[in-house]
PDB file of N, CA and C in Angstrom:
ATOM      1  N   MET A   1      13.979  13.870  -9.455  1.00  0.00           N
ATOM      2  CA  MET A   1      13.142  13.716  -7.783  1.00  0.00           C
ATOM      3  C   MET A   1      13.282  12.172  -7.838  1.00  0.00           C
ATOM      4  N   GLU A   2      13.574  11.796  -6.338  1.00  0.00           N
ATOM      5  CA  GLU A   2      13.595  10.680  -5.628  1.00  0.00           C
ATOM      6  C   GLU A   2      12.429  10.404  -5.324  1.00  0.00           C
ATOM      7  N   ILE A   3      11.605   9.315  -4.986  1.00  0.00           N
ATOM      8  CA  ILE A   3      10.508   9.044  -4.768  1.00  0.00           C
ATOM      9  C   ILE A   3      10.628   9.223  -3.286  1.00  0.00           C
ATOM     10  N   ARG A   4      11.447   8.936  -2.133  1.00  0.00           N
ATOM     11  CA  ARG A   4      11.400   8.976  -1.082  1.00  0.00           C
ATOM     12  C   ARG A   4      10.886  10.557  -0.803  1.00  0.00           C
ATOM     13  N   GLY A   5      11.116  11.388  -1.726  1.00  0.00           N
ATOM     14  CA  GLY A   5      10.917  12.900  -1.498  1.00  0.00           C
ATOM     15  C   GLY A   5       9.314  13.172  -1.614  1.00  0.00           C
ATOM     16  N   ILE A   6       8.189  12.384  -2.122  1.00  0.00           N
ATOM     17  CA  ILE A   6       7.222  12.264  -2.130  1.00  0.00           C
ATOM     18  C   ILE A   6       6.104  11.262  -1.306  1.00  0.00           C
ATOM     19  N   MET A   7       6.799  10.360  -0.766  1.00  0.00           N
ATOM     20  CA  MET A   7       6.042   9.136  -0.453  1.00  0.00           C
ATOM     21  C   MET A   7       5.708   9.685   1.124  1.00  0.00           C
ATOM     22  N   ARG A   8       4.768   8.823   1.446  1.00  0.00           N
ATOM     23  CA  ARG A   8       4.154   8.726   3.028  1.00  0.00           C
ATOM     24  C   ARG A   8       5.211   7.916   3.852  1.00  0.00           C
ATOM     25  N   SER A   9       5.565   8.765   4.650  1.00  0.00           N
ATOM     26  CA  SER A   9       6.434   7.992   5.142  1.00  0.00           C
ATOM     27  C   SER A   9       6.677   8.442   6.851  1.00  0.00           C
ATOM     28  N   PRO A  10       6.371   7.254   8.128  1.00  0.00           N
ATOM     29  CA  PRO A  10       6.488   6.321   7.959  1.00  0.00           C
ATOM     30  C   PRO A  10       5.110   5.525   7.427  1.00  0.00           C
ATOM     31  N   ALA A  11       5.222   4.355   6.496  1.00  0.00           N
ATOM     32  CA  ALA A  11       3.950   3.822   6.112  1.00  0.00           C
ATOM     33  C   ALA A  11       3.039   3.180   6.996  1.00  0.00           C
ATOM     34  N   VAL A  12       1.709   3.730   6.881  1.00  0.00           N
ATOM     35  CA  VAL A  12       0.527   2.682   7.957  1.00  0.00           C
ATOM     36  C   VAL A  12       0.662   1.553   7.316  1.00  0.00           C
ATOM     37  N   SER A  13       0.666   0.754   8.351  1.00  0.00           N
ATOM     38  CA  SER A  13       1.058  -0.745   7.807  1.00  0.00           C
ATOM     39  C   SER A  13       0.120  -1.439   8.923  1.00  0.00           C
ATOM     40  N   VAL A  14       0.059  -2.825   8.549  1.00  0.00           N
ATOM     41  CA  VAL A  14      -1.196  -3.473   9.104  1.00  0.00           C
ATOM     42  C   VAL A  14      -0.450  -4.689   9.265  1.00  0.00           C
ATOM     43  N   ARG A  15      -1.004  -5.765  10.329  1.00  0.00           N
ATOM     44  CA  ARG A  15      -0.491  -6.884  10.396  1.00  0.00           C
ATOM     45  C   ARG A  15      -1.758  -8.313   9.728  1.00  0.00           C
ATOM     46  N   PRO A  16      -1.119  -9.415   9.424  1.00  0.00           N
ATOM     47  CA  PRO A  16      -1.636 -10.475   8.252  1.00  0.00           C
ATOM     48  C   PRO A  16      -2.834 -10.650   9.258  1.00  0.00           C
ATOM     49  N   ASP A  17      -2.882 -10.749  10.259  1.00  0.00           N
ATOM     50  CA  ASP A  17      -4.097 -11.008  11.168  1.00  0.00           C
ATOM     51  C   ASP A  17      -5.419 -10.107  11.476  1.00  0.00           C
ATOM     52  N   ASP A  18      -4.821  -8.752  11.587  1.00  0.00           N
ATOM     53  CA  ASP A  18      -5.785  -7.752  11.734  1.00  0.00           C
ATOM     54  C   ASP A  18      -7.112  -8.281  10.607  1.00  0.00           C
ATOM     55  N   THR A  19      -8.003  -7.820  11.037  1.00  0.00           N
ATOM     56  CA  THR A  19      -9.307  -8.081  10.524  1.00  0.00           C
ATOM     57  C   THR A  19      -9.708  -6.991   9.180  1.00  0.00           C
ATOM     58  N   VAL A  20     -10.435  -7.298   8.408  1.00  0.00           N
ATOM     59  CA  VAL A  20     -10.158  -6.794   6.882  1.00  0.00           C
ATOM     60  C   VAL A  20     -11.340  -5.365   7.503  1.00  0.00           C
ATOM     61  N   GLY A  21     -12.535  -5.137   8.230  1.00  0.00           N
ATOM     62  CA  GLY A  21     -12.937  -4.520   8.885  1.00  0.00           C
ATOM     63  C   GLY A  21     -12.204  -3.400   9.591  1.00  0.00           C
ATOM     64  N   LYS A  22     -11.480  -3.893  10.408  1.00  0.00           N
ATOM     65  CA  LYS A  22     -10.020  -3.011  11.176  1.00  0.00           C
ATOM     66  C   LYS A  22      -9.155  -2.440  10.296  1.00  0.00           C
ATOM     67  N   VAL A  23      -8.568  -2.876   9.242  1.00  0.00           N
ATOM     68  CA  VAL A  23      -7.744  -2.685   8.106  1.00  0.00           C
ATOM     69  C   VAL A  23      -8.615  -1.267   7.379  1.00  0.00           C
ATOM     70  N   LEU A  24      -9.806  -1.583   6.925  1.00  0.00           N
ATOM     71  CA  LEU A  24     -10.622  -0.356   6.374  1.00  0.00           C
ATOM     72  C   LEU A  24     -10.977   0.860   7.252  1.00  0.00           C
ATOM     73  N   GLU A  25     -11.263   0.337   8.644  1.00  0.00           N
ATOM     74  CA  GLU A  25     -10.887   1.792   9.611  1.00  0.00           C
ATOM     75  C   GLU A  25      -9.848   2.179   9.713  1.00  0.00           C
ATOM     76  N   ILE A  26      -8.462   2.070   9.814  1.00  0.00           N
ATOM     77  CA  ILE A  26      -7.595   2.763   9.998  1.00  0.00           C
ATOM     78  C   ILE A  26      -6.846   3.077   8.457  1.00  0.00           C
ATOM     79  N   MET A  27      -7.606   2.755   7.308  1.00  0.00           N
ATOM     80  CA  MET A  27      -7.528   3.493   5.965  1.00  0.00           C
ATOM     81  C   MET A  27      -8.057   4.307   5.868  1.00  0.00           C
ATOM     82  N   ASN A  28      -9.736   4.411   6.346  1.00  0.00           N
ATOM     83  CA  ASN A  28     -10.308   5.819   6.538  1.00  0.00           C
ATOM     84  C   ASN A  28      -9.804   6.503   7.477  1.00  0.00           C
ATOM     85  N   ARG A  29      -9.293   6.153   8.164  1.00  0.00           N
ATOM     86  CA  ARG A  29      -9.210   7.378   9.790  1.00  0.00           C
ATOM     87  C   ARG A  29      -7.765   8.136   8.805  1.00  0.00           C
ATOM     88  N   GLU A  30      -6.579   7.274   8.581  1.00  0.00           N
ATOM     89  CA  GLU A  30      -5.482   7.728   8.075  1.00  0.00           C
ATOM     90  C   GLU A  30      -5.636   8.290   6.660  1.00  0.00           C
ATOM     91  N   LYS A  31      -6.356   8.315   6.067  1.00  0.00           N
ATOM     92  CA  LYS A  31      -7.014   9.161   4.551  1.00  0.00           C
ATOM     93  C   LYS A  31      -6.043   7.976   3.388  1.00  0.00           C
ATOM     94  N   VAL A  32      -5.663   7.191   3.353  1.00  0.00           N
ATOM     95  CA  VAL A  32      -4.385   6.248   2.623  1.00  0.00           C
ATOM     96  C   VAL A  32      -5.768   5.473   1.777  1.00  0.00           C
ATOM     97  N   ASN A  33      -5.050   5.213   0.534  1.00  0.00           N
ATOM     98  CA  ASN A  33      -5.993   3.901  -0.051  1.00  0.00           C
ATOM     99  C   ASN A  33      -5.599   2.639   0.139  1.00  0.00           C
ATOM    100  N   GLY A  34      -4.278   2.253   0.605  1.00  0.00           N
ATOM    101  CA  GLY A  34      -3.564   1.420   0.672  1.00  0.00           C
ATOM    102  C   GLY A  34      -2.722   1.434   1.862  1.00  0.00           C
ATOM    103  N   THR A  35      -2.391   0.080   2.281  1.00  0.00           N
ATOM    104  CA  THR A  35      -1.603  -0.309   3.466  1.00  0.00           C
ATOM    105  C   THR A  35      -0.880  -1.462   3.102  1.00  0.00           C
ATOM    106  N   PRO A  36       1.056  -1.094   3.604  1.00  0.00           N
ATOM    107  CA  PRO A  36       1.568  -2.515   3.761  1.00  0.00           C
ATOM    108  C   PRO A  36       1.120  -3.752   4.635  1.00  0.00           C
ATOM    109  N   ILE A  37       1.368  -4.837   4.702  1.00  0.00           N
ATOM    110  CA  ILE A  37       1.033  -5.943   5.296  1.00  0.00           C
ATOM    111  C   ILE A  37       2.811  -6.237   6.050  1.00  0.00           C
ATOM    112  N   VAL A  38       2.637  -6.346   7.372  1.00  0.00           N
ATOM    113  CA  VAL A  38       4.312  -6.764   8.100  1.00  0.00           C
ATOM    114  C   VAL A  38       4.090  -7.442   8.492  1.00  0.00           C
ATOM    115  N   GLY A  39       4.953  -8.659   9.014  1.00  0.00           N
ATOM    116  CA  GLY A  39       5.287  -9.507   9.781  1.00  0.00           C
ATOM    117  C   GLY A  39       5.566  -8.948  11.178  1.00  0.00           C
ATOM    118  N   GLU A  40       5.861  -9.510  12.540  1.00  0.00           N
ATOM    119  CA  GLU A  40       5.977  -9.285  13.612  1.00  0.00           C
ATOM    120  C   GLU A  40       7.799  -8.784  13.753  1.00  0.00           C
ATOM    121  N   ASP A  41       8.152  -9.382  12.624  1.00  0.00           N
ATOM    122  CA  ASP A  41       9.908  -8.546  11.898  1.00  0.00           C
ATOM    123  C   ASP A  41       9.808  -7.550  11.464  1.00  0.00           C
ATOM    124  N   ASN A  42       8.644  -7.018  11.339  1.00  0.00           N
ATOM    125  CA  ASN A  42       7.999  -5.566  10.080  1.00  0.00           C
ATOM    126  C   ASN A  42       9.029  -6.043   8.452  1.00  0.00           C
ATOM    127  N   LYS A  43       8.754  -7.406   8.487  1.00  0.00           N
ATOM    128  CA  LYS A  43       9.043  -7.679   6.704  1.00  0.00           C
ATOM    129  C   LYS A  43       8.064  -7.696   6.165  1.00  0.00           C
ATOM    130  N   LEU A  44       7.926  -7.007   4.920  1.00  0.00           N
ATOM    131  CA  LEU A  44       6.779  -6.740   4.232  1.00  0.00           C
ATOM    132  C   LEU A  44       6.706  -8.023   3.329  1.00  0.00           C
ATOM    133  N   LEU A  45       4.932  -8.689   3.840  1.00  0.00           N
ATOM    134  CA  LEU A  45       4.653  -9.725   3.382  1.00  0.00           C
ATOM    135  C   LEU A  45       3.618  -9.496   2.518  1.00  0.00           C
ATOM    136  N   GLY A  46       3.106  -8.532   2.002  1.00  0.00           N
ATOM    137  CA  GLY A  46       1.833  -8.405   1.013  1.00  0.00           C
ATOM    138  C   GLY A  46       1.489  -6.671   1.259  1.00  0.00           C
ATOM    139  N   ILE A  47       0.489  -6.531   0.478  1.00  0.00           N
ATOM    140  CA  ILE A  47      -0.131  -4.991   0.107  1.00  0.00           C
ATOM    141  C   ILE A  47      -1.787  -5.054   0.285  1.00  0.00           C
ATOM    142  N   ILE A  48      -2.585  -3.970   0.750  1.00  0.00           N
ATOM    143  CA  ILE A  48      -4.001  -4.308   0.816  1.00  0.00           C
ATOM    144  C   ILE A  48      -4.507  -2.569   0.277  1.00  0.00           C
ATOM    145  N   VAL A  49      -5.124  -2.652  -0.725  1.00  0.00           N
ATOM    146  CA  VAL A  49      -6.114  -1.693  -1.212  1.00  0.00           C
ATOM    147  C   VAL A  49      -7.037  -1.548  -1.137  1.00  0.00           C
ATOM    148  N   LYS A  50      -7.622  -0.755  -1.105  1.00  0.00           N
ATOM    149  CA  LYS A  50      -9.358  -0.340  -0.899  1.00  0.00           C
ATOM    150  C   LYS A  50     -10.070  -1.733  -2.044  1.00  0.00           C
ATOM    151  N   ALA A  51      -9.612  -1.439  -3.382  1.00  0.00           N
ATOM    152  CA  ALA A  51     -10.160  -1.930  -4.388  1.00  0.00           C
ATOM    153  C   ALA A  51     -10.266  -3.307  -3.633  1.00  0.00           C
ATOM    154  N   ASP A  52      -9.235  -4.011  -3.559  1.00  0.00           N
ATOM    155  CA  ASP A  52      -9.215  -5.638  -2.642  1.00  0.00           C
ATOM    156  C   ASP A  52     -10.175  -5.534  -1.777  1.00  0.00           C
ATOM    157  N   ILE A  53     -10.371  -4.643  -0.803  1.00  0.00           N
ATOM    158  CA  ILE A  53     -11.480  -4.988   0.262  1.00  0.00           C
ATOM    159  C   ILE A  53     -13.020  -4.652  -0.471  1.00  0.00           C
ATOM    160  N   TYR A  54     -13.268  -3.982  -1.871  1.00  0.00           N
ATOM    161  CA  TYR A  54     -14.354  -3.585  -2.316  1.00  0.00           C
ATOM    162  C   TYR A  54     -14.762  -4.903  -3.260  1.00  0.00           C
ATOM    163  N   ARG A  55     -13.340  -5.852  -3.607  1.00  0.00           N
ATOM    164  CA  ARG A  55     -13.934  -6.713  -4.419  1.00  0.00           C
ATOM    165  C   ARG A  55     -13.832  -8.266  -3.250  1.00  0.00           C
ATOM    166  N   PHE A  56     -13.605  -8.298  -2.087  1.00  0.00           N
ATOM    167  CA  PHE A  56     -13.807  -8.803  -1.386  1.00  0.00           C
ATOM    168  C   PHE A  56     -15.476  -9.100  -0.542  1.00  0.00           C
ATOM    169  N   LEU A  57     -15.935  -7.864  -0.680  1.00  0.00           N
ATOM    170  CA  LEU A  57     -17.319  -7.516  -0.366  1.00  0.00           C
ATOM    171  C   LEU A  57     -18.203  -7.449  -1.330  1.00  0.00           C
ATOM    172  N   MET A  58     -17.618  -8.074  -2.338  1.00  0.00           N
ATOM    173  CA  MET A  58     -18.681  -8.745  -3.201  1.00  0.00           C
ATOM    174  C   MET A  58     -19.143 -10.193  -2.886  1.00  0.00           C
ATOM    175  N   GLU A  59     -18.424 -10.921  -1.994  1.00  0.00           N
ATOM    176  CA  GLU A  59     -18.326 -12.373  -1.812  1.00  0.00           C
ATOM    177  C   GLU A  59     -19.103 -12.262  -0.302  1.00  0.00           C
ATOM    178  N   PRO A  60     -19.845 -13.241   0.122  1.00  0.00           N
ATOM    179  CA  PRO A  60     -20.341 -13.374   1.273  1.00  0.00           C
ATOM    180  C   PRO A  60     -19.166 -14.116   1.981  1.00  0.00           C
ATOM    181  N   GLY A  61     -19.748 -13.239   3.387  1.00  0.00           N
ATOM    182  CA  GLY A  61     -18.313 -13.791   4.326  1.00  0.00           C
ATOM    183  C   GLY A  61     -18.168 -12.835   5.608  1.00  0.00           C
ATOM    184  N   HIS A  62     -17.205 -12.995   6.335  1.00  0.00           N
ATOM    185  CA  HIS A  62     -17.156 -12.783   7.783  1.00  0.00           C
ATOM    186  C   HIS A  62     -16.286 -11.026   7.752  1.00  0.00           C
ATOM    187  N   PHE A  63     -16.945 -10.253   7.153  1.00  0.00           N
ATOM    188  CA  PHE A  63     -16.114  -8.843   7.119  1.00  0.00           C
ATOM    189  C   PHE A  63     -15.637  -8.532   8.389  1.00  0.00           C
ATOM    190  N   GLU A  64     -15.710  -8.665   9.233  1.00  0.00           N
ATOM    191  CA  GLU A  64     -15.731  -8.112  10.834  1.00  0.00           C
ATOM    192  C   GLU A  64     -14.457  -9.130  11.176  1.00  0.00           C
ATOM    193  N   SER A  65     -14.292 -10.234  10.943  1.00  0.00           N
ATOM    194  CA  SER A  65     -13.725 -11.220  11.451  1.00  0.00           C
ATOM    195  C   SER A  65     -12.840 -11.796  10.601  1.00  0.00           C
ATOM    196  N   CYS A  66     -12.450 -11.519   9.325  1.00  0.00           N
ATOM    197  CA  CYS A  66     -11.664 -12.251   8.513  1.00  0.00           C
ATOM    198  C   CYS A  66     -10.438 -11.484   8.534  1.00  0.00           C
ATOM    199  N   PRO A  67      -9.415 -12.492   8.104  1.00  0.00           N
ATOM    200  CA  PRO A  67      -8.195 -11.952   8.561  1.00  0.00           C
ATOM    201  C   PRO A  67      -7.682 -11.431   7.205  1.00  0.00           C
ATOM    202  N   VAL A  68      -6.676 -10.283   7.106  1.00  0.00           N
ATOM    203  CA  VAL A  68      -6.407  -9.174   5.853  1.00  0.00           C
ATOM    204  C   VAL A  68      -5.523 -10.596   5.110  1.00  0.00           C
ATOM    205  N   GLU A  69      -4.998 -10.972   5.742  1.00  0.00           N
ATOM    206  CA  GLU A  69      -4.268 -12.152   5.003  1.00  0.00           C
ATOM    207  C   GLU A  69      -4.981 -13.032   3.943  1.00  0.00           C
ATOM    208  N   TRP A  70      -5.972 -13.175   4.047  1.00  0.00           N
ATOM    209  CA  TRP A  70      -7.207 -13.808   3.023  1.00  0.00           C
ATOM    210  C   TRP A  70      -7.451 -12.867   1.877  1.00  0.00           C
ATOM    211  N   VAL A  71      -7.181 -11.433   1.910  1.00  0.00           N
ATOM    212  CA  VAL A  71      -7.500 -10.621   0.783  1.00  0.00           C
ATOM    213  C   VAL A  71      -6.576  -9.848   0.691  1.00  0.00           C
ATOM    214  N   MET A  72      -5.152  -9.664   0.982  1.00  0.00           N
ATOM    215  CA  MET A  72      -3.955  -9.146   0.557  1.00  0.00           C
ATOM    216  C   MET A  72      -3.431  -9.536  -0.679  1.00  0.00           C
ATOM    217  N   THR A  73      -2.731  -8.682  -1.263  1.00  0.00           N
ATOM    218  CA  THR A  73      -1.903  -9.053  -2.564  1.00  0.00           C
ATOM    219  C   THR A  73      -0.466  -9.569  -1.777  1.00  0.00           C
ATOM    220  N   LYS A  74      -0.157 -10.764  -2.789  1.00  0.00           N
ATOM    221  CA  LYS A  74       1.036 -11.407  -1.959  1.00  0.00           C
ATOM    222  C   LYS A  74       2.516 -10.981  -2.735  1.00  0.00           C
ATOM    223  N   LYS A  75       2.032 -11.125  -3.891  1.00  0.00           N
ATOM    224  CA  LYS A  75       3.061 -10.542  -5.146  1.00  0.00           C
ATOM    225  C   LYS A  75       2.989  -9.006  -5.110  1.00  0.00           C
ATOM    226  N   VAL A  76       3.673  -8.473  -4.321  1.00  0.00           N
ATOM    227  CA  VAL A  76       3.696  -6.992  -4.347  1.00  0.00           C
ATOM    228  C   VAL A  76       4.710  -6.117  -5.136  1.00  0.00           C
ATOM    229  N   VAL A  77       4.401  -5.549  -5.752  1.00  0.00           N
ATOM    230  CA  VAL A  77       5.178  -4.538  -6.934  1.00  0.00           C
ATOM    231  C   VAL A  77       5.761  -3.475  -5.743  1.00  0.00           C
ATOM    232  N   LYS A  78       7.088  -2.944  -5.803  1.00  0.00           N
ATOM    233  CA  LYS A  78       7.841  -2.504  -4.592  1.00  0.00           C
ATOM    234  C   LYS A  78       8.164  -1.451  -5.615  1.00  0.00           C
ATOM    235  N   ALA A  79       8.810  -0.210  -4.422  1.00  0.00           N
ATOM    236  CA  ALA A  79       9.453   0.910  -5.130  1.00  0.00           C
ATOM    237  C   ALA A  79      10.691   0.783  -4.239  1.00  0.00           C
ATOM    238  N   GLN A  80      12.001   1.452  -4.671  1.00  0.00           N
ATOM    239  CA  GLN A  80      12.958   1.772  -3.900  1.00  0.00           C
ATOM    240  C   GLN A  80      13.323   3.116  -3.179  1.00  0.00           C
ATOM    241  N   ALA A  81      13.601   3.553  -2.468  1.00  0.00           N
ATOM    242  CA  ALA A  81      13.685   5.209  -2.240  1.00  0.00           C
ATOM    243  C   ALA A  81      14.287   5.749  -2.692  1.00  0.00           C
ATOM    244  N   ARG A  82      15.054   5.261  -3.377  1.00  0.00           N
ATOM    245  CA  ARG A  82      16.092   6.159  -4.526  1.00  0.00           C
ATOM    246  C   ARG A  82      15.686   6.509  -5.822  1.00  0.00           C
ATOM    247  N   GLU A  83      14.851   5.710  -6.212  1.00  0.00           N
ATOM    248  CA  GLU A  83      14.193   5.386  -7.419  1.00  0.00           C
ATOM    249  C   GLU A  83      13.517   7.102  -8.003  1.00  0.00           C
ATOM    250  N   ASP A  84      13.642   7.220  -9.255  1.00  0.00           N
ATOM    251  CA  ASP A  84      13.023   8.397  -9.735  1.00  0.00           C
ATOM    252  C   ASP A  84      11.153   8.400  -9.636  1.00  0.00           C
ATOM    253  N   VAL A  85      10.680   9.810  -9.280  1.00  0.00           N
ATOM    254  CA  VAL A  85       9.226   9.740  -9.368  1.00  0.00           C
ATOM    255  C   VAL A  85       8.763   9.053 -10.759  1.00  0.00           C
ATOM    256  N   PHE A  86       9.435   9.633 -11.649  1.00  0.00           N
ATOM    257  CA  PHE A  86       8.329   9.608 -13.031  1.00  0.00           C
ATOM    258  C   PHE A  86       8.587   7.845 -13.648  1.00  0.00           C
ATOM    259  N   GLU A  87       9.726   6.824 -12.910  1.00  0.00           N
ATOM    260  CA  GLU A  87       9.996   5.734 -12.927  1.00  0.00           C
ATOM    261  C   GLU A  87       8.930   4.962 -12.478  1.00  0.00           C
ATOM    262  N   VAL A  88       8.728   5.657 -10.813  1.00  0.00           N
ATOM    263  CA  VAL A  88       7.991   4.643  -9.931  1.00  0.00           C
ATOM    264  C   VAL A  88       6.152   5.089 -10.638  1.00  0.00           C
ATOM    265  N   GLY A  89       6.291   6.297 -11.401  1.00  0.00           N
ATOM    266  CA  GLY A  89       4.989   6.342 -11.609  1.00  0.00           C
ATOM    267  C   GLY A  89       4.604   5.832 -12.908  1.00  0.00           C
ATOM    268  N   LYS A  90       5.573   5.539 -13.845  1.00  0.00           N
ATOM    269  CA  LYS A  90       5.263   4.576 -14.827  1.00  0.00           C
ATOM    270  C   LYS A  90       5.016   2.793 -14.644  1.00  0.00           C
ATOM    271  N   ARG A  91       5.477   2.419 -13.487  1.00  0.00           N
ATOM    272  CA  ARG A  91       5.645   1.550 -12.756  1.00  0.00           C
ATOM    273  C   ARG A  91       3.935   1.215 -12.182  1.00  0.00           C
ATOM    274  N   LEU A  92       3.731   2.207 -11.841  1.00  0.00           N
ATOM    275  CA  LEU A  92       2.375   2.114 -11.406  1.00  0.00           C
ATOM    276  C   LEU A  92       1.414   1.831 -11.982  1.00  0.00           C
ATOM    277  N   ARG A  93       1.610   2.711 -13.076  1.00  0.00           N
ATOM    278  CA  ARG A  93       0.354   2.351 -14.206  1.00  0.00           C
ATOM    279  C   ARG A  93       0.789   1.096 -15.169  1.00  0.00           C
ATOM    280  N   ASN A  94       1.749   0.719 -15.121  1.00  0.00           N
ATOM    281  CA  ASN A  94       1.792  -0.246 -16.119  1.00  0.00           C
ATOM    282  C   ASN A  94       1.635  -1.827 -15.275  1.00  0.00           C
ATOM    283  N   LYS A  95       2.137  -1.636 -14.142  1.00  0.00           N
ATOM    284  CA  LYS A  95       1.302  -2.899 -13.210  1.00  0.00           C
ATOM    285  C   LYS A  95       0.092  -2.652 -12.949  1.00  0.00           C
ATOM    286  N   ASN A  96      -0.370  -1.705 -13.202  1.00  0.00           N
ATOM    287  CA  ASN A  96      -2.242  -1.317 -12.935  1.00  0.00           C
ATOM    288  C   ASN A  96      -2.236  -1.389 -11.284  1.00  0.00           C
ATOM    289  N   VAL A  97      -1.444  -0.970 -10.277  1.00  0.00           N
ATOM    290  CA  VAL A  97      -1.726  -0.962  -9.138  1.00  0.00           C
ATOM    291  C   VAL A  97      -1.771   0.582  -8.864  1.00  0.00           C
ATOM    292  N   ILE A  98      -2.494   0.630  -7.452  1.00  0.00           N
ATOM    293  CA  ILE A  98      -3.047   2.255  -7.021  1.00  0.00           C
ATOM    294  C   ILE A  98      -1.871   2.746  -5.885  1.00  0.00           C
ATOM    295  N   ALA A  99      -1.036   1.697  -5.269  1.00  0.00           N
ATOM    296  CA  ALA A  99      -0.498   2.041  -4.740  1.00  0.00           C
ATOM    297  C   ALA A  99       1.277   0.926  -4.362  1.00  0.00           C
ATOM    298  N   LEU A 100       2.468   1.445  -3.837  1.00  0.00           N
ATOM    299  CA  LEU A 100       3.751   0.599  -3.594  1.00  0.00           C
ATOM    300  C   LEU A 100       4.327   1.110  -2.632  1.00  0.00           C
ATOM    301  N   PRO A 101       4.572  -0.246  -1.672  1.00  0.00           N
ATOM    302  CA  PRO A 101       5.511   0.005  -0.724  1.00  0.00           C
ATOM    303  C   PRO A 101       7.032   0.585  -1.167  1.00  0.00           C
ATOM    304  N   VAL A 102       7.507   1.193  -0.448  1.00  0.00           N
ATOM    305  CA  VAL A 102       8.525   2.077  -0.623  1.00  0.00           C
ATOM    306  C   VAL A 102       9.520   0.897   0.336  1.00  0.00           C
ATOM    307  N   LEU A 103      11.139   0.750  -0.227  1.00  0.00           N
ATOM    308  CA  LEU A 103      11.863  -0.254   0.693  1.00  0.00           C
ATOM    309  C   LEU A 103      12.877   0.565   0.267  1.00  0.00           C
ATOM    310  N   ASP A 104      14.124   0.727   1.447  1.00  0.00           N
ATOM    311  CA  ASP A 104      15.465   1.233   1.676  1.00  0.00           C
ATOM    312  C   ASP A 104      15.887   0.178   2.258  1.00  0.00           C
ATOM    313  N   GLY A 105      17.012  -0.503   1.230  1.00  0.00           N
ATOM    314  CA  GLY A 105      17.352  -1.594   1.841  1.00  0.00           C
ATOM    315  C   GLY A 105      16.910  -2.840   2.099  1.00  0.00           C
ATOM    316  N   GLY A 106      15.765  -3.495   1.849  1.00  0.00           N
ATOM    317  CA  GLY A 106      14.785  -4.511   1.949  1.00  0.00           C
ATOM    318  C   GLY A 106      14.086  -3.468   3.156  1.00  0.00           C
ATOM    319  N   GLU A 107      14.181  -2.363   3.889  1.00  0.00           N
ATOM    320  CA  GLU A 107      13.072  -2.173   5.066  1.00  0.00           C
ATOM    321  C   GLU A 107      12.187  -1.594   4.314  1.00  0.00           C
ATOM    322  N   LEU A 108      11.058  -1.329   4.989  1.00  0.00           N
ATOM    323  CA  LEU A 108       9.963  -0.587   4.634  1.00  0.00           C
ATOM    324  C   LEU A 108       9.895   0.871   4.789  1.00  0.00           C
ATOM    325  N   VAL A 109       9.950   1.721   4.126  1.00  0.00           N
ATOM    326  CA  VAL A 109      10.339   2.995   4.849  1.00  0.00           C
ATOM    327  C   VAL A 109       8.968   4.050   4.535  1.00  0.00           C
ATOM    328  N   GLY A 110       7.957   3.489   3.461  1.00  0.00           N
ATOM    329  CA  GLY A 110       7.033   4.237   3.092  1.00  0.00           C
ATOM    330  C   GLY A 110       6.366   4.112   2.123  1.00  0.00           C
ATOM    331  N   LEU A 111       5.054   4.753   1.476  1.00  0.00           N
ATOM    332  CA  LEU A 111       4.172   4.259   0.737  1.00  0.00           C
ATOM    333  C   LEU A 111       3.800   5.381   0.034  1.00  0.00           C
ATOM    334  N   VAL A 112       3.833   5.076  -1.859  1.00  0.00           N
ATOM    335  CA  VAL A 112       3.807   5.876  -2.290  1.00  0.00           C
ATOM    336  C   VAL A 112       2.535   5.625  -3.486  1.00  0.00           C
ATOM    337  N   SER A 113       1.514   6.603  -3.812  1.00  0.00           N
ATOM    338  CA  SER A 113       0.130   5.923  -4.243  1.00  0.00           C
ATOM    339  C   SER A 113       0.431   6.583  -5.341  1.00  0.00           C
ATOM    340  N   ILE A 114      -0.995   6.822  -6.228  1.00  0.00           N
ATOM    341  CA  ILE A 114      -1.124   7.292  -7.592  1.00  0.00           C
ATOM    342  C   ILE A 114      -1.211   9.154  -7.518  1.00  0.00           C
ATOM    343  N   GLU A 115      -2.430   8.871  -5.965  1.00  0.00           N
ATOM    344  CA  GLU A 115      -2.341  10.561  -5.912  1.00  0.00           C
ATOM    345  C   GLU A 115      -0.997  11.268  -5.069  1.00  0.00           C
ATOM    346  N   ASP A 116      -0.278  10.466  -4.624  1.00  0.00           N
ATOM    347  CA  ASP A 116       1.248  11.049  -4.496  1.00  0.00           C
ATOM    348  C   ASP A 116       1.969  11.791  -5.882  1.00  0.00           C
ATOM    349  N   ILE A 117       1.980  10.584  -7.049  1.00  0.00           N
ATOM    350  CA  ILE A 117       2.610  10.976  -8.182  1.00  0.00           C
ATOM    351  C   ILE A 117       2.282  12.158  -8.633  1.00  0.00           C
ATOM    352  N   VAL A 118       0.768  12.109  -9.150  1.00  0.00           N
ATOM    353  CA  VAL A 118      -0.367  13.271  -9.764  1.00  0.00           C
ATOM    354  C   VAL A 118      -0.164  14.621  -8.642  1.00  0.00           C
ATOM    355  N   ASP A 119       0.519  14.336  -7.657  1.00  0.00           N
ATOM    356  CA  ASP A 119       0.193  15.603  -6.829  1.00  0.00           C
ATOM    357  C   ASP A 119       1.428  16.418  -7.684  1.00  0.00           C
ATOM    358  N   TYR A 120       2.332  15.303  -7.287  1.00  0.00           N
ATOM    359  CA  TYR A 120       4.242  16.189  -7.686  1.00  0.00           C
ATOM    360  C   TYR A 120       3.980  16.535  -8.712  1.00  0.00           C
ATOM    361  N   PHE A 121       3.497  15.984  -9.855  1.00  0.00           N
ATOM    362  CA  PHE A 121       3.916  16.537 -11.161  1.00  0.00           C
ATOM    363  C   PHE A 121       2.386  17.694 -11.540  1.00  0.00           C
ATOM    364  N   LEU A 122       1.713  17.721 -10.338  1.00  0.00           N
ATOM    365  CA  LEU A 122       0.500  19.308 -10.809  1.00  0.00           C
ATOM    366  C   LEU A 122       1.340  20.094 -10.106  1.00  0.00           C
ATOM    367  N   SER A 123       1.825  20.168  -8.936  1.00  0.00           N
ATOM    368  CA  SER A 123       2.944  21.039  -8.110  1.00  0.00           C
ATOM    369  C   SER A 123       4.384  21.780  -9.144  1.00  0.00           C
ATOM    370  N   ARG A 124       4.632  20.768 -10.281  1.00  0.00           N
ATOM    371  CA  ARG A 124       5.539  21.419 -10.791  1.00  0.00           C
ATOM    372  C   ARG A 124       5.458  22.592 -11.573  1.00  0.00           C
TER     373      ARG A 124
END
């Protein structure tokens, strides 16, 4: 099974100048644990997951006004839409990440999380 068969698409994405508070609100509303960060041209710039935000909250700062680009991961582990679910699941585990943006020809087409992988294998 290719990862595009289980990914969340379209990915809920945010901009680097969105505030951490806004991003957390979006993640809670959309029931996702992570979201890609894209530029004006929709090019992938990074990813942020709730764990990043929770680590950020441990430091004093301006949660409501801090831009997400201060918190996001810029070295993004990615998946390709045609990759096998098992291979992507191994990458999630080996890289110790909880969500991967999914690209097709360099274009962001979705997001896959640990929950999506687990749900896939439990449904089999």
